[in-house]
Amino acid sequence: MSGRLFVVGTPIGNMSDFSPRAAETLSAVDFIAAEDTRVTIKLLNKFNIDTPMVSYHKYNAKERGEEICERIEKGENCAVVSDAGMPCISDPGELLVKQCAERGIPVCVVPGPTAMASAIAISGLATNRFTFEGFLTVNKPGRREHLLSLRNEKRTMIFYEAPHKLSRTLKDMYDNFGNRKISIVRELTKVHEEVIRTTLSEAAENYSDLNIKGEIVLIIEGAPDIINDEVTIDYAVSLAEKLIDDGMSLSDAAKESAKLTGFKKGDIYKSLILNKK
């Protein structure tokens, strides 16, 4: 008889947030698939759990996932955990769940802390509708395309970021989104938990020297509603010019601006040519 995969949430900082059910599950399964066994062992020792572990991370996910599935199909139960928070949410585990689903292996969830939900709850920004965007890529074209696709996103946006990349990210966000409200949430559930409520322009200026540390979640307000009368051809052209400054070709910028504003690509393109002259 096949076993089961348990997706188990772990604390994002405070060990006291580890649920009794999560502890019971990690104690009861046959083995644990851990993102970093050196991190997970601290949690297991804290709660006197001696279940054996296997390493499961983004670099071995496909091959190790197959091995895990084979063990489960033979009757063993496995729990997958990340270093902190819910597996599969910008953490390893997503592929393993897919592999189990494809093979008909039952998957159960043991909910736990999640940084994105915790951060938006205390951000002070709108929580009724939001979009989780995870980490921005360091690849310049991919990064630009990602941010560009969100310029007119009206829902509150949630991003994860590392401290050493924060300065560049805040500047890129200000360039793409304009001066919107932002909440920088850091060190959730830890001693130095902090919510910095500011604007993108101030954030880009104040944190340009990387003087902020800890795990970071960025919460940014969605795009404001644009009154149709305010969307003029001049606005469409200026938007296209901004896209060109960001590295787009003239033709692609005109096409993207047309999609966002409703004006014809040809009209925007002609205006761009005239402005260049």
C-alpha atoms as a PDB file:
ATOM      1  CA  MET A   1       0.000   0.000   0.000  1.00  0.00           C
ATOM      2  CA  SER A   2       1.307   3.455  -0.930  1.00  0.00           C
ATOM      3  CA  GLY A   3       2.260   5.914   1.775  1.00  0.00           C
ATOM      4  CA  ARG A   4       1.663   9.679   1.783  1.00  0.00           C
ATOM      5  CA  LEU A   5       3.533  12.922   1.328  1.00  0.00           C
ATOM      6  CA  PHE A   6       2.974  15.529   4.035  1.00  0.00           C
ATOM      7  CA  VAL A   7       3.726  19.172   3.200  1.00  0.00           C
ATOM      8  CA  VAL A   8       4.640  20.624   6.589  1.00  0.00           C
ATOM      9  CA  GLY A   9       4.994  24.298   7.484  1.00  0.00           C
ATOM     10  CA  THR A  10       7.809  25.266   9.857  1.00  0.00           C
ATOM     11  CA  PRO A  11       8.516  28.487  11.816  1.00  0.00           C
ATOM     12  CA  ILE A  12       9.782  31.519   9.910  1.00  0.00           C
ATOM     13  CA  GLY A  13      11.725  32.738  12.923  1.00  0.00           C
ATOM     14  CA  ASN A  14      10.099  31.997  16.259  1.00  0.00           C
ATOM     15  CA  MET A  15      10.278  28.331  17.261  1.00  0.00           C
ATOM     16  CA  SER A  16       7.152  28.759  19.388  1.00  0.00           C
ATOM     17  CA  ASP A  17       5.118  28.987  16.182  1.00  0.00           C
ATOM     18  CA  PHE A  18       5.748  25.297  15.465  1.00  0.00           C
ATOM     19  CA  SER A  19       2.342  23.621  15.741  1.00  0.00           C
ATOM     20  CA  PRO A  20       1.660  20.455  17.774  1.00  0.00           C
ATOM     21  CA  ARG A  21       0.311  18.777  14.632  1.00  0.00           C
ATOM     22  CA  ALA A  22       3.483  19.607  12.714  1.00  0.00           C
ATOM     23  CA  ALA A  23       5.622  18.134  15.499  1.00  0.00           C
ATOM     24  CA  GLU A  24       3.457  15.014  15.617  1.00  0.00           C
ATOM     25  CA  THR A  25       3.690  14.591  11.839  1.00  0.00           C
ATOM     26  CA  LEU A  26       7.473  14.944  11.685  1.00  0.00           C
ATOM     27  CA  SER A  27       7.759  12.412  14.516  1.00  0.00           C
ATOM     28  CA  ALA A  28       5.408   9.919  12.860  1.00  0.00           C
ATOM     29  CA  VAL A  29       6.637   9.849   9.247  1.00  0.00           C
ATOM     30  CA  ASP A  30       9.328   7.443   8.084  1.00  0.00           C
ATOM     31  CA  PHE A  31      11.619  10.154   6.751  1.00  0.00           C
ATOM     32  CA  ILE A  32      11.816  13.912   6.170  1.00  0.00           C
ATOM     33  CA  ALA A  33      12.836  15.627   2.921  1.00  0.00           C
ATOM     34  CA  ALA A  34      14.593  18.791   4.106  1.00  0.00           C
ATOM     35  CA  GLU A  35      15.829  21.762   2.087  1.00  0.00           C
ATOM     36  CA  ASP A  36      18.930  21.991   4.295  1.00  0.00           C
ATOM     37  CA  THR A  37      19.382  19.211   6.840  1.00  0.00           C
ATOM     38  CA  ARG A  38      21.740  21.436   8.859  1.00  0.00           C
ATOM     39  CA  VAL A  39      18.905  23.913   9.404  1.00  0.00           C
ATOM     40  CA  THR A  40      16.141  21.376  10.005  1.00  0.00           C
ATOM     41  CA  ILE A  41      18.173  19.406  12.547  1.00  0.00           C
ATOM     42  CA  LYS A  42      18.002  22.418  14.901  1.00  0.00           C
ATOM     43  CA  LEU A  43      14.198  22.270  14.779  1.00  0.00           C
ATOM     44  CA  LEU A  44      14.121  18.515  15.257  1.00  0.00           C
ATOM     45  CA  ASN A  45      16.483  18.688  18.235  1.00  0.00           C
ATOM     46  CA  LYS A  46      14.393  21.436  19.817  1.00  0.00           C
ATOM     47  CA  PHE A  47      11.328  19.177  19.789  1.00  0.00           C
ATOM     48  CA  ASN A  48      13.115  15.875  20.415  1.00  0.00           C
ATOM     49  CA  ILE A  49      12.324  14.461  16.969  1.00  0.00           C
ATOM     50  CA  ASP A  50      14.732  11.801  15.680  1.00  0.00           C
ATOM     51  CA  THR A  51      13.178  11.022  12.276  1.00  0.00           C
ATOM     52  CA  PRO A  52      15.856  10.456   9.592  1.00  0.00           C
ATOM     53  CA  MET A  53      16.254  13.077   6.866  1.00  0.00           C
ATOM     54  CA  VAL A  54      17.216  13.208   3.198  1.00  0.00           C
ATOM     55  CA  SER A  55      18.441  16.339   1.458  1.00  0.00           C
ATOM     56  CA  TYR A  56      15.908  17.832  -0.982  1.00  0.00           C
ATOM     57  CA  HIS A  57      16.649  21.194  -2.621  1.00  0.00           C
ATOM     58  CA  LYS A  58      16.365  22.957  -5.967  1.00  0.00           C
ATOM     59  CA  TYR A  59      19.608  21.479  -7.277  1.00  0.00           C
ATOM     60  CA  ASN A  60      18.598  17.831  -6.790  1.00  0.00           C
ATOM     61  CA  ALA A  61      14.804  18.178  -6.815  1.00  0.00           C
ATOM     62  CA  LYS A  62      14.019  16.157  -9.948  1.00  0.00           C
ATOM     63  CA  GLU A  63      16.217  13.132  -9.253  1.00  0.00           C
ATOM     64  CA  ARG A  64      15.690  13.101  -5.484  1.00  0.00           C
ATOM     65  CA  GLY A  65      11.965  13.602  -6.038  1.00  0.00           C
ATOM     66  CA  GLU A  66      11.811  10.392  -8.050  1.00  0.00           C
ATOM     67  CA  GLU A  67      13.606   8.544  -5.265  1.00  0.00           C
ATOM     68  CA  ILE A  68      11.215   9.935  -2.670  1.00  0.00           C
ATOM     69  CA  CYS A  69       8.176   8.969  -4.744  1.00  0.00           C
ATOM     70  CA  GLU A  70       9.485   5.417  -5.118  1.00  0.00           C
ATOM     71  CA  ARG A  71       9.899   5.098  -1.359  1.00  0.00           C
ATOM     72  CA  ILE A  72       6.386   6.418  -0.757  1.00  0.00           C
ATOM     73  CA  GLU A  73       4.938   4.003  -3.316  1.00  0.00           C
ATOM     74  CA  LYS A  74       6.538   1.171  -1.353  1.00  0.00           C
ATOM     75  CA  GLY A  75       4.594   2.228   1.744  1.00  0.00           C
ATOM     76  CA  GLU A  76       6.711   4.846   3.504  1.00  0.00           C
ATOM     77  CA  ASN A  77       5.388   8.221   4.639  1.00  0.00           C
ATOM     78  CA  CYS A  78       7.443  11.343   3.938  1.00  0.00           C
ATOM     79  CA  ALA A  79       7.243  14.938   5.162  1.00  0.00           C
ATOM     80  CA  VAL A  80       8.761  17.716   3.058  1.00  0.00           C
ATOM     81  CA  VAL A  81       9.952  20.876   4.835  1.00  0.00           C
ATOM     82  CA  SER A  82      11.789  24.022   3.788  1.00  0.00           C
ATOM     83  CA  ASP A  83      14.246  25.981   5.913  1.00  0.00           C
ATOM     84  CA  ALA A  84      11.412  28.251   7.047  1.00  0.00           C
ATOM     85  CA  GLY A  85       7.722  28.649   6.262  1.00  0.00           C
ATOM     86  CA  MET A  86       5.559  26.662   3.882  1.00  0.00           C
ATOM     87  CA  PRO A  87       7.278  24.387   1.355  1.00  0.00           C
ATOM     88  CA  CYS A  88       6.365  25.057  -2.296  1.00  0.00           C
ATOM     89  CA  ILE A  89       5.908  28.840  -1.718  1.00  0.00           C
ATOM     90  CA  SER A  90       9.136  30.237  -3.243  1.00  0.00           C
ATOM     91  CA  ASP A  91      10.803  27.211  -1.648  1.00  0.00           C
ATOM     92  CA  PRO A  92      11.521  23.642  -2.756  1.00  0.00           C
ATOM     93  CA  GLY A  93       8.594  21.243  -2.748  1.00  0.00           C
ATOM     94  CA  GLU A  94       6.484  22.365  -5.697  1.00  0.00           C
ATOM     95  CA  LEU A  95       8.037  19.826  -8.063  1.00  0.00           C
ATOM     96  CA  LEU A  96       7.744  17.021  -5.508  1.00  0.00           C
ATOM     97  CA  VAL A  97       4.012  17.663  -5.098  1.00  0.00           C
ATOM     98  CA  LYS A  98       3.617  17.600  -8.887  1.00  0.00           C
ATOM     99  CA  GLN A  99       5.525  14.328  -9.131  1.00  0.00           C
ATOM    100  CA  CYS A 100       3.317  12.799  -6.447  1.00  0.00           C
ATOM    101  CA  ALA A 101       0.167  14.047  -8.186  1.00  0.00           C
ATOM    102  CA  GLU A 102       1.282  12.514 -11.481  1.00  0.00           C
ATOM    103  CA  ARG A 103       1.849   9.155  -9.776  1.00  0.00           C
ATOM    104  CA  GLY A 104      -1.389   9.223  -7.791  1.00  0.00           C
ATOM    105  CA  ILE A 105       0.375   9.546  -4.443  1.00  0.00           C
ATOM    106  CA  PRO A 106      -1.799  11.159  -1.735  1.00  0.00           C
ATOM    107  CA  VAL A 107      -0.560  14.563  -0.540  1.00  0.00           C
ATOM    108  CA  CYS A 108      -1.627  16.131   2.761  1.00  0.00           C
ATOM    109  CA  VAL A 109      -0.873  19.588   4.129  1.00  0.00           C
ATOM    110  CA  VAL A 110       0.033  20.572   7.677  1.00  0.00           C
ATOM    111  CA  PRO A 111      -0.337  24.387   7.571  1.00  0.00           C
ATOM    112  CA  GLY A 112       2.237  26.615   9.157  1.00  0.00           C
ATOM    113  CA  PRO A 113       3.632  30.163   9.124  1.00  0.00           C
ATOM    114  CA  THR A 114       3.961  31.913   5.761  1.00  0.00           C
ATOM    115  CA  ALA A 115       5.998  35.100   5.386  1.00  0.00           C
ATOM    116  CA  MET A 116       3.895  36.616   2.591  1.00  0.00           C
ATOM    117  CA  ALA A 117       0.559  36.324   4.424  1.00  0.00           C
ATOM    118  CA  SER A 118       2.053  37.478   7.712  1.00  0.00           C
ATOM    119  CA  ALA A 119       3.705  40.479   6.050  1.00  0.00           C
ATOM    120  CA  ILE A 120       0.653  41.789   4.201  1.00  0.00           C
ATOM    121  CA  ALA A 121      -1.448  41.391   7.342  1.00  0.00           C
ATOM    122  CA  ILE A 122       0.662  43.994   9.159  1.00  0.00           C
ATOM    123  CA  SER A 123       1.647  46.116   6.152  1.00  0.00           C
ATOM    124  CA  GLY A 124      -1.109  48.687   6.483  1.00  0.00           C
ATOM    125  CA  LEU A 125      -1.924  48.327   2.791  1.00  0.00           C
ATOM    126  CA  ALA A 126      -5.005  46.803   1.133  1.00  0.00           C
ATOM    127  CA  THR A 127      -5.397  43.093   1.851  1.00  0.00           C
ATOM    128  CA  ASN A 128      -8.678  42.273   0.084  1.00  0.00           C
ATOM    129  CA  ARG A 129      -6.921  41.463  -3.195  1.00  0.00           C
ATOM    130  CA  PHE A 130      -3.215  40.843  -3.709  1.00  0.00           C
ATOM    131  CA  THR A 131      -0.720  39.084  -5.948  1.00  0.00           C
ATOM    132  CA  PHE A 132       2.371  37.201  -4.778  1.00  0.00           C
ATOM    133  CA  GLU A 133       5.324  37.744  -7.116  1.00  0.00           C
ATOM    134  CA  GLY A 134       8.085  35.954  -5.184  1.00  0.00           C
ATOM    135  CA  PHE A 135      11.714  36.864  -5.927  1.00  0.00           C
ATOM    136  CA  LEU A 136      12.688  39.009  -8.915  1.00  0.00           C
ATOM    137  CA  THR A 137      15.263  37.427 -11.177  1.00  0.00           C
ATOM    138  CA  VAL A 138      18.731  38.981 -11.410  1.00  0.00           C
ATOM    139  CA  ASN A 139      18.566  38.526 -15.186  1.00  0.00           C
ATOM    140  CA  LYS A 140      18.092  42.081 -16.507  1.00  0.00           C
ATOM    141  CA  PRO A 141      15.712  41.330 -19.428  1.00  0.00           C
ATOM    142  CA  GLY A 142      13.616  38.975 -17.290  1.00  0.00           C
ATOM    143  CA  ARG A 143      13.557  41.435 -14.403  1.00  0.00           C
ATOM    144  CA  ARG A 144      12.485  44.303 -16.669  1.00  0.00           C
ATOM    145  CA  GLU A 145       9.765  42.178 -18.276  1.00  0.00           C
ATOM    146  CA  HIS A 146       8.435  41.065 -14.876  1.00  0.00           C
ATOM    147  CA  LEU A 147       8.185  44.608 -13.501  1.00  0.00           C
ATOM    148  CA  LEU A 148       6.796  45.954 -16.757  1.00  0.00           C
ATOM    149  CA  SER A 149       3.999  43.384 -16.704  1.00  0.00           C
ATOM    150  CA  LEU A 150       2.931  44.715 -13.294  1.00  0.00           C
ATOM    151  CA  ARG A 151       2.814  48.449 -14.051  1.00  0.00           C
ATOM    152  CA  ASN A 152      -0.978  48.471 -14.261  1.00  0.00           C
ATOM    153  CA  GLU A 153      -1.559  45.794 -11.607  1.00  0.00           C
ATOM    154  CA  LYS A 154      -4.244  47.196  -9.292  1.00  0.00           C
ATOM    155  CA  ARG A 155      -3.881  44.566  -6.582  1.00  0.00           C
ATOM    156  CA  THR A 156      -1.419  44.932  -3.726  1.00  0.00           C
ATOM    157  CA  MET A 157       1.856  43.253  -4.748  1.00  0.00           C
ATOM    158  CA  ILE A 158       4.052  41.073  -2.539  1.00  0.00           C
ATOM    159  CA  PHE A 159       7.729  40.387  -3.253  1.00  0.00           C
ATOM    160  CA  TYR A 160      10.509  38.575  -1.416  1.00  0.00           C
ATOM    161  CA  GLU A 161      13.999  40.052  -1.483  1.00  0.00           C
ATOM    162  CA  ALA A 162      17.444  39.476  -0.018  1.00  0.00           C
ATOM    163  CA  PRO A 163      19.202  42.373   1.805  1.00  0.00           C
ATOM    164  CA  HIS A 164      22.120  42.602  -0.634  1.00  0.00           C
ATOM    165  CA  LYS A 165      19.727  43.051  -3.578  1.00  0.00           C
ATOM    166  CA  LEU A 166      17.336  45.468  -1.875  1.00  0.00           C
ATOM    167  CA  SER A 167      18.881  48.730  -3.079  1.00  0.00           C
ATOM    168  CA  ARG A 168      18.753  47.745  -6.752  1.00  0.00           C
ATOM    169  CA  THR A 169      15.238  46.334  -6.409  1.00  0.00           C
ATOM    170  CA  LEU A 170      13.822  49.474  -4.778  1.00  0.00           C
ATOM    171  CA  LYS A 171      15.307  51.665  -7.527  1.00  0.00           C
ATOM    172  CA  ASP A 172      13.934  49.405 -10.265  1.00  0.00           C
ATOM    173  CA  MET A 173      10.508  49.391  -8.628  1.00  0.00           C
ATOM    174  CA  TYR A 174      10.472  53.176  -8.319  1.00  0.00           C
ATOM    175  CA  ASP A 175      11.458  53.531 -11.980  1.00  0.00           C
ATOM    176  CA  ASN A 176       8.686  51.166 -13.076  1.00  0.00           C
ATOM    177  CA  PHE A 177       5.850  51.865 -10.636  1.00  0.00           C
ATOM    178  CA  GLY A 178       6.358  55.522  -9.744  1.00  0.00           C
ATOM    179  CA  ASN A 179       6.016  56.876  -6.233  1.00  0.00           C
ATOM    180  CA  ARG A 180       3.631  54.442  -4.539  1.00  0.00           C
ATOM    181  CA  LYS A 181       3.305  53.393  -0.922  1.00  0.00           C
ATOM    182  CA  ILE A 182       5.476  50.501   0.190  1.00  0.00           C
ATOM    183  CA  SER A 183       5.842  48.557   3.406  1.00  0.00           C
ATOM    184  CA  ILE A 184       9.210  46.927   3.990  1.00  0.00           C
ATOM    185  CA  VAL A 185       8.638  44.069   6.414  1.00  0.00           C
ATOM    186  CA  ARG A 186      11.730  42.453   7.902  1.00  0.00           C
ATOM    187  CA  GLU A 187      12.661  39.785  10.446  1.00  0.00           C
ATOM    188  CA  LEU A 188       9.097  38.511  10.883  1.00  0.00           C
ATOM    189  CA  THR A 189       8.439  36.859  14.279  1.00  0.00           C
ATOM    190  CA  LYS A 190      12.036  37.530  15.368  1.00  0.00           C
ATOM    191  CA  VAL A 191      13.398  39.905  18.023  1.00  0.00           C
ATOM    192  CA  HIS A 192      14.003  42.722  15.539  1.00  0.00           C
ATOM    193  CA  GLU A 193      10.706  42.440  13.621  1.00  0.00           C
ATOM    194  CA  GLU A 194       9.985  45.740  11.884  1.00  0.00           C
ATOM    195  CA  VAL A 195       7.536  47.314   9.442  1.00  0.00           C
ATOM    196  CA  ILE A 196       8.845  50.347   7.554  1.00  0.00           C
ATOM    197  CA  ARG A 197       5.916  52.183   5.956  1.00  0.00           C
ATOM    198  CA  THR A 198       7.151  54.672   3.391  1.00  0.00           C
ATOM    199  CA  THR A 199       7.073  55.467  -0.343  1.00  0.00           C
ATOM    200  CA  LEU A 200       9.120  53.998  -3.162  1.00  0.00           C
ATOM    201  CA  SER A 201      10.995  57.262  -3.755  1.00  0.00           C
ATOM    202  CA  GLU A 202      11.975  57.582  -0.106  1.00  0.00           C
ATOM    203  CA  ALA A 203      12.823  53.885   0.132  1.00  0.00           C
ATOM    204  CA  ALA A 204      15.024  54.018  -2.969  1.00  0.00           C
ATOM    205  CA  GLU A 205      16.904  56.972  -1.477  1.00  0.00           C
ATOM    206  CA  ASN A 206      17.102  55.892   2.165  1.00  0.00           C
ATOM    207  CA  TYR A 207      18.183  52.322   1.557  1.00  0.00           C
ATOM    208  CA  SER A 208      20.656  52.892  -1.265  1.00  0.00           C
ATOM    209  CA  ASP A 209      23.585  52.019   0.998  1.00  0.00           C
ATOM    210  CA  LEU A 210      22.227  48.609   2.008  1.00  0.00           C
ATOM    211  CA  ASN A 211      21.711  49.630   5.638  1.00  0.00           C
ATOM    212  CA  ILE A 212      18.900  47.150   6.206  1.00  0.00           C
ATOM    213  CA  LYS A 213      19.363  43.547   7.230  1.00  0.00           C
ATOM    214  CA  GLY A 214      17.334  40.373   7.696  1.00  0.00           C
ATOM    215  CA  GLU A 215      14.756  38.450   5.693  1.00  0.00           C
ATOM    216  CA  ILE A 216      12.644  40.964   3.743  1.00  0.00           C
ATOM    217  CA  VAL A 217       9.124  41.070   2.306  1.00  0.00           C
ATOM    218  CA  LEU A 218       8.099  44.063   0.164  1.00  0.00           C
ATOM    219  CA  ILE A 219       4.422  45.069   0.035  1.00  0.00           C
ATOM    220  CA  ILE A 220       3.574  47.625  -2.669  1.00  0.00           C
ATOM    221  CA  GLU A 221       0.226  49.275  -3.305  1.00  0.00           C
ATOM    222  CA  GLY A 222      -1.433  48.559  -6.624  1.00  0.00           C
ATOM    223  CA  ALA A 223      -1.692  50.939  -9.546  1.00  0.00           C
ATOM    224  CA  PRO A 224      -4.158  53.808  -9.151  1.00  0.00           C
ATOM    225  CA  ASP A 225      -7.244  53.943 -11.332  1.00  0.00           C
ATOM    226  CA  ILE A 226      -6.654  56.100 -14.410  1.00  0.00           C
ATOM    227  CA  ILE A 227      -9.544  58.241 -15.579  1.00  0.00           C
ATOM    228  CA  ASN A 228     -10.049  57.635 -19.290  1.00  0.00           C
ATOM    229  CA  ASP A 229      -9.960  61.342 -20.071  1.00  0.00           C
ATOM    230  CA  GLU A 230      -6.468  61.518 -18.596  1.00  0.00           C
ATOM    231  CA  VAL A 231      -5.094  58.858 -20.937  1.00  0.00           C
ATOM    232  CA  THR A 232      -3.966  60.958 -23.882  1.00  0.00           C
ATOM    233  CA  ILE A 233      -1.716  60.204 -26.824  1.00  0.00           C
ATOM    234  CA  ASP A 234       0.977  62.257 -25.073  1.00  0.00           C
ATOM    235  CA  TYR A 235       0.714  59.949 -22.075  1.00  0.00           C
ATOM    236  CA  ALA A 236       0.970  56.911 -24.341  1.00  0.00           C
ATOM    237  CA  VAL A 237       4.060  58.350 -26.049  1.00  0.00           C
ATOM    238  CA  SER A 238       5.724  59.252 -22.751  1.00  0.00           C
ATOM    239  CA  LEU A 239       5.076  55.721 -21.519  1.00  0.00           C
ATOM    240  CA  ALA A 240       6.690  54.322 -24.662  1.00  0.00           C
ATOM    241  CA  GLU A 241       9.684  56.615 -24.175  1.00  0.00           C
ATOM    242  CA  LYS A 242      10.043  55.294 -20.645  1.00  0.00           C
ATOM    243  CA  LEU A 243      10.043  51.741 -21.982  1.00  0.00           C
ATOM    244  CA  ILE A 244      12.733  52.680 -24.486  1.00  0.00           C
ATOM    245  CA  ASP A 245      14.841  54.131 -21.660  1.00  0.00           C
ATOM    246  CA  ASP A 246      14.439  50.770 -19.920  1.00  0.00           C
ATOM    247  CA  GLY A 247      15.977  49.031 -22.932  1.00  0.00           C
ATOM    248  CA  MET A 248      13.042  48.206 -25.234  1.00  0.00           C
ATOM    249  CA  SER A 249      13.231  48.729 -28.948  1.00  0.00           C
ATOM    250  CA  LEU A 250      11.167  51.562 -30.404  1.00  0.00           C
ATOM    251  CA  SER A 251       8.753  49.141 -32.075  1.00  0.00           C
ATOM    252  CA  ASP A 252       8.255  46.983 -28.978  1.00  0.00           C
ATOM    253  CA  ALA A 253       7.777  50.049 -26.792  1.00  0.00           C
ATOM    254  CA  ALA A 254       5.064  51.379 -29.105  1.00  0.00           C
ATOM    255  CA  LYS A 255       3.363  47.990 -29.113  1.00  0.00           C
ATOM    256  CA  GLU A 256       3.455  47.678 -25.315  1.00  0.00           C
ATOM    257  CA  SER A 257       2.205  51.226 -24.785  1.00  0.00           C
ATOM    258  CA  ALA A 258      -0.631  50.603 -27.237  1.00  0.00           C
ATOM    259  CA  LYS A 259      -1.655  47.531 -25.266  1.00  0.00           C
ATOM    260  CA  LEU A 260      -1.638  49.452 -21.986  1.00  0.00           C
ATOM    261  CA  THR A 261      -3.348  52.642 -23.167  1.00  0.00           C
ATOM    262  CA  GLY A 262      -5.642  51.621 -26.018  1.00  0.00           C
ATOM    263  CA  PHE A 263      -4.066  53.899 -28.612  1.00  0.00           C
ATOM    264  CA  LYS A 264      -2.920  52.534 -31.979  1.00  0.00           C
ATOM    265  CA  LYS A 265       0.641  51.307 -32.171  1.00  0.00           C
ATOM    266  CA  GLY A 266       1.185  53.163 -35.449  1.00  0.00           C
ATOM    267  CA  ASP A 267       0.158  56.518 -33.965  1.00  0.00           C
ATOM    268  CA  ILE A 268       2.478  56.045 -30.985  1.00  0.00           C
ATOM    269  CA  TYR A 269       5.312  54.918 -33.253  1.00  0.00           C
ATOM    270  CA  LYS A 270       4.935  57.963 -35.517  1.00  0.00           C
ATOM    271  CA  SER A 271       5.010  60.314 -32.520  1.00  0.00           C
ATOM    272  CA  LEU A 272       8.130  58.622 -31.203  1.00  0.00           C
ATOM    273  CA  ILE A 273       9.873  59.116 -34.564  1.00  0.00           C
ATOM    274  CA  LEU A 274       8.864  62.801 -34.633  1.00  0.00           C
ATOM    275  CA  ASN A 275      10.116  63.335 -31.085  1.00  0.00           C
ATOM    276  CA  LYS A 276      13.456  61.765 -31.941  1.00  0.00           C
ATOM    277  CA  LYS A 277      13.831  64.199 -34.837  1.00  0.00           C
END
